[in-house]
Amino acid sequence: GNHGAATAAYSAAADKPCVIFTLPQVPTTMKTLMQSFGAYVMVTPQPIDRWTIMKACVKEKGWYPLSGYMSPPIGSNCFGIDGYKTIAFELYEQLGDLPEFIAVPSAYSDGLYGVWKGVKDLQTIGVSEKKTKMIASEVFGSLKQSLKENADGPVVVPSEWSISFSIAGPQGTYQGYAALKESEGYAETSSDEETVAMQLRLAREEGIYGEAASVTSLVAIEKLAKAGKIGPDDKAVAVITSTGLKDPATTAEHLPAVPTIQPTFEELAKALKENYGYEMK
């Protein structure tokens, strides 16, 4: 998904060949995006199959990995994770200090842990004294359950297909769990129904069309605020990680059909009322 698209783009800029292993359920738009950058995109039947072939390429062919390839997942390339630290730096610069909370959509938690590393850098050198708490937004709640149980590591939870496909895994990672434990943060889930509602709400109220998985950070913040874990005076930042244009077909399933009309007031008024519930004045 997004990891593959970013890898393909950077590889193109560096004039390096790029092979990407992805899944059948990743939207065609995403695969087209990756191929447009010149990447050699391959589909494997199951998630574990990606890591099997990638590990073989790394170990036997000497290829350089830009993601993890172990099961259970342990995270991605360390240089890539460090790149996320700049999000914390930019938040500090734009807000004048770190916020009380930073919510990040999480699967393998590269972004969550990378942002947390940036927060720790600012705290360690004395630039900020803010005790920022990290929030992992998930679909099925591996990290949430891990915190609830105070488990030694991320637990496995039941999972299935989700519109938030890029974060819809059964198990979080140690790095994500560490970010939450160290920051005394939270994890919260977002169902497909909650995600779609937030996606459309964000688009209609703020003019931001985020990918389904990316708006789960807002769902998490709203839930935690309602639960009293985020106070009314706290600053909470939701990291919106991708555009909804990468999977518009899923959003379209929750929207009315676009009507075709003749150019008359009568047909316009009828279509507005029947398709959108809007009364033409």
Foldseek 3Di string as FASTA:
>chain_A
DVLLLVVLQVCLVVVHAAEEEAEPPQDPLVVVSSVVSVYHYHYDHDPLVRLVVVVCCCPPVVDDFQWHRDPVGATGDPVQLLVLLVVLVVCCVVVVHGFQEEEFEFAQCSNQLNVLVNVVVCVVVPVHPHLHAYEYEAAFQQLQVCVVVVHPWGDFDDFDDAQLNVRGHRTYHRSNNVSRVVSVHHYYYAYNVRLLVQQVVCCVPPVARARSSQSSSVVRVVVCVVVVVADPPTDYHRGRPGGNVSPVVVNVVVAFDDDDFDPDPVRVQVCCCPRPVDHDD
